């Protein structure tokens, strides 16, 4: 499960056209993930907060991700989706801009 962090606030502040562009950009980045989508997470900054970047005409966008897989604990597709959704909310409670399993 992938969720754009604070998307409603972003959409309200910058407008729906920019929000649509953000969704297209996130989708294009996700489409490029290969190898089952697994990789090393980047290191967190020392203060535990993601670095805020805002160059001219550019906005920082982050996502939270919940990961689950088919297993004895999650035997059906519905179980996998439910587990991924729970993991997504753990990522959000953990501070957003992160992956949770």
Protein backbone atom coordinates (compact mmCIF):
# COMPACT_ATOMS: atom_id res chain seq x y z
CA UNK A 1 0.00 0.00 0.00
CA UNK A 2 1.28 3.45 -0.91
CA UNK A 3 -0.13 6.75 0.28
CA UNK A 4 1.07 10.27 -0.57
CA UNK A 5 1.74 11.94 2.77
CA UNK A 6 -0.61 14.80 3.67
CA UNK A 7 -2.00 14.82 0.14
CA UNK A 8 -5.28 16.55 1.01
CA UNK A 9 -3.44 19.48 2.59
CA UNK A 10 -1.06 19.59 -0.38
CA UNK A 11 -3.96 19.47 -2.86
CA UNK A 12 -5.87 22.21 -0.99
CA UNK A 13 -2.80 24.46 -0.79
CA UNK A 14 -1.49 24.07 -4.34
CA UNK A 15 -4.65 23.21 -6.28
CA UNK A 16 -6.08 20.14 -7.93
CA UNK A 17 -4.08 20.54 -11.15
CA UNK A 18 -0.81 20.39 -9.22
CA UNK A 19 -2.22 17.54 -7.11
CA UNK A 20 -2.96 15.61 -10.30
CA UNK A 21 0.62 16.18 -11.48
CA UNK A 22 1.91 14.86 -8.16
CA UNK A 23 -0.17 11.69 -8.49
CA UNK A 24 1.10 11.14 -12.03
CA UNK A 25 4.71 11.68 -10.89
CA UNK A 26 4.34 9.24 -7.97
CA UNK A 27 2.72 6.66 -10.27
CA UNK A 28 5.54 7.00 -12.81
CA UNK A 29 8.16 6.52 -10.07
CA UNK A 30 6.37 3.44 -8.71
CA UNK A 31 6.15 2.02 -12.22
CA UNK A 32 9.96 2.08 -12.42
CA UNK A 33 10.41 -0.08 -9.30
CA UNK A 34 11.78 -3.46 -10.26
CA UNK A 35 12.89 -6.64 -8.55
CA UNK A 36 9.72 -7.06 -6.55
CA UNK A 37 10.04 -3.54 -5.16
CA UNK A 38 12.53 -4.48 -2.47
CA UNK A 39 15.52 -2.35 -1.72
CA UNK A 40 17.46 -0.73 1.07
CA UNK A 41 15.67 2.09 2.82
CA UNK A 42 17.61 5.32 3.00
CA UNK A 43 19.05 6.40 6.31
CA UNK A 44 16.98 8.70 8.47
CA UNK A 45 18.46 12.12 9.26
CA UNK A 46 20.09 12.42 12.70
CA UNK A 47 17.15 14.38 14.12
CA UNK A 48 14.66 11.74 12.91
CA UNK A 49 12.92 14.14 10.53
CA UNK A 50 13.06 14.05 6.75
CA UNK A 51 14.96 16.93 5.19
CA UNK A 52 12.60 19.55 3.83
CA UNK A 53 13.61 20.74 0.40
CA UNK A 54 11.95 23.47 -1.52
CA UNK A 55 13.77 24.86 -4.52
CA UNK A 56 12.18 27.37 -6.86
CA UNK A 57 9.21 25.79 -8.56
CA UNK A 58 9.78 22.46 -6.85
CA UNK A 59 7.86 20.89 -4.00
CA UNK A 60 8.94 17.96 -1.84
CA UNK A 61 6.56 14.99 -1.92
CA UNK A 62 6.86 11.99 0.37
CA UNK A 63 5.00 8.70 0.59
CA UNK A 64 4.34 6.15 3.29
CA UNK A 65 4.34 2.48 2.33
CA UNK A 66 2.92 -0.63 3.98
CA UNK A 67 4.32 -3.99 2.88
CA UNK A 68 2.84 -7.48 3.30
CA UNK A 69 3.20 -10.79 1.52
CA UNK A 70 1.26 -13.97 0.96
CA UNK A 71 2.11 -16.42 3.75
CA UNK A 72 0.60 -18.79 6.28
CA UNK A 73 -0.40 -15.72 8.30
CA UNK A 74 -1.86 -14.02 5.19
CA UNK A 75 -3.25 -16.91 3.11
CA UNK A 76 -5.66 -14.92 0.91
CA UNK A 77 -5.37 -11.79 -1.20
CA UNK A 78 -7.79 -10.05 1.16
CA UNK A 79 -5.54 -10.97 4.12
CA UNK A 80 -2.48 -9.59 2.34
CA UNK A 81 -4.26 -6.30 1.57
CA UNK A 82 -5.47 -6.00 5.16
CA UNK A 83 -1.94 -6.61 6.49
CA UNK A 84 -0.46 -4.08 4.03
CA UNK A 85 -3.06 -1.52 5.12
CA UNK A 86 -2.16 -2.06 8.78
CA UNK A 87 1.52 -1.69 7.91
CA UNK A 88 0.77 1.55 6.05
CA UNK A 89 -0.86 3.02 9.15
CA UNK A 90 2.15 1.95 11.23
CA UNK A 91 4.35 3.88 8.79
CA UNK A 92 2.15 6.95 9.17
CA UNK A 93 2.12 6.71 12.98
CA UNK A 94 5.90 6.28 12.87
CA UNK A 95 6.34 9.69 11.28
CA UNK A 96 5.43 9.25 7.59
CA UNK A 97 7.94 9.10 4.72
CA UNK A 98 8.84 5.51 5.55
CA UNK A 99 8.19 1.86 4.81
CA UNK A 100 6.63 -0.47 7.40
CA UNK A 101 6.24 -4.25 7.25
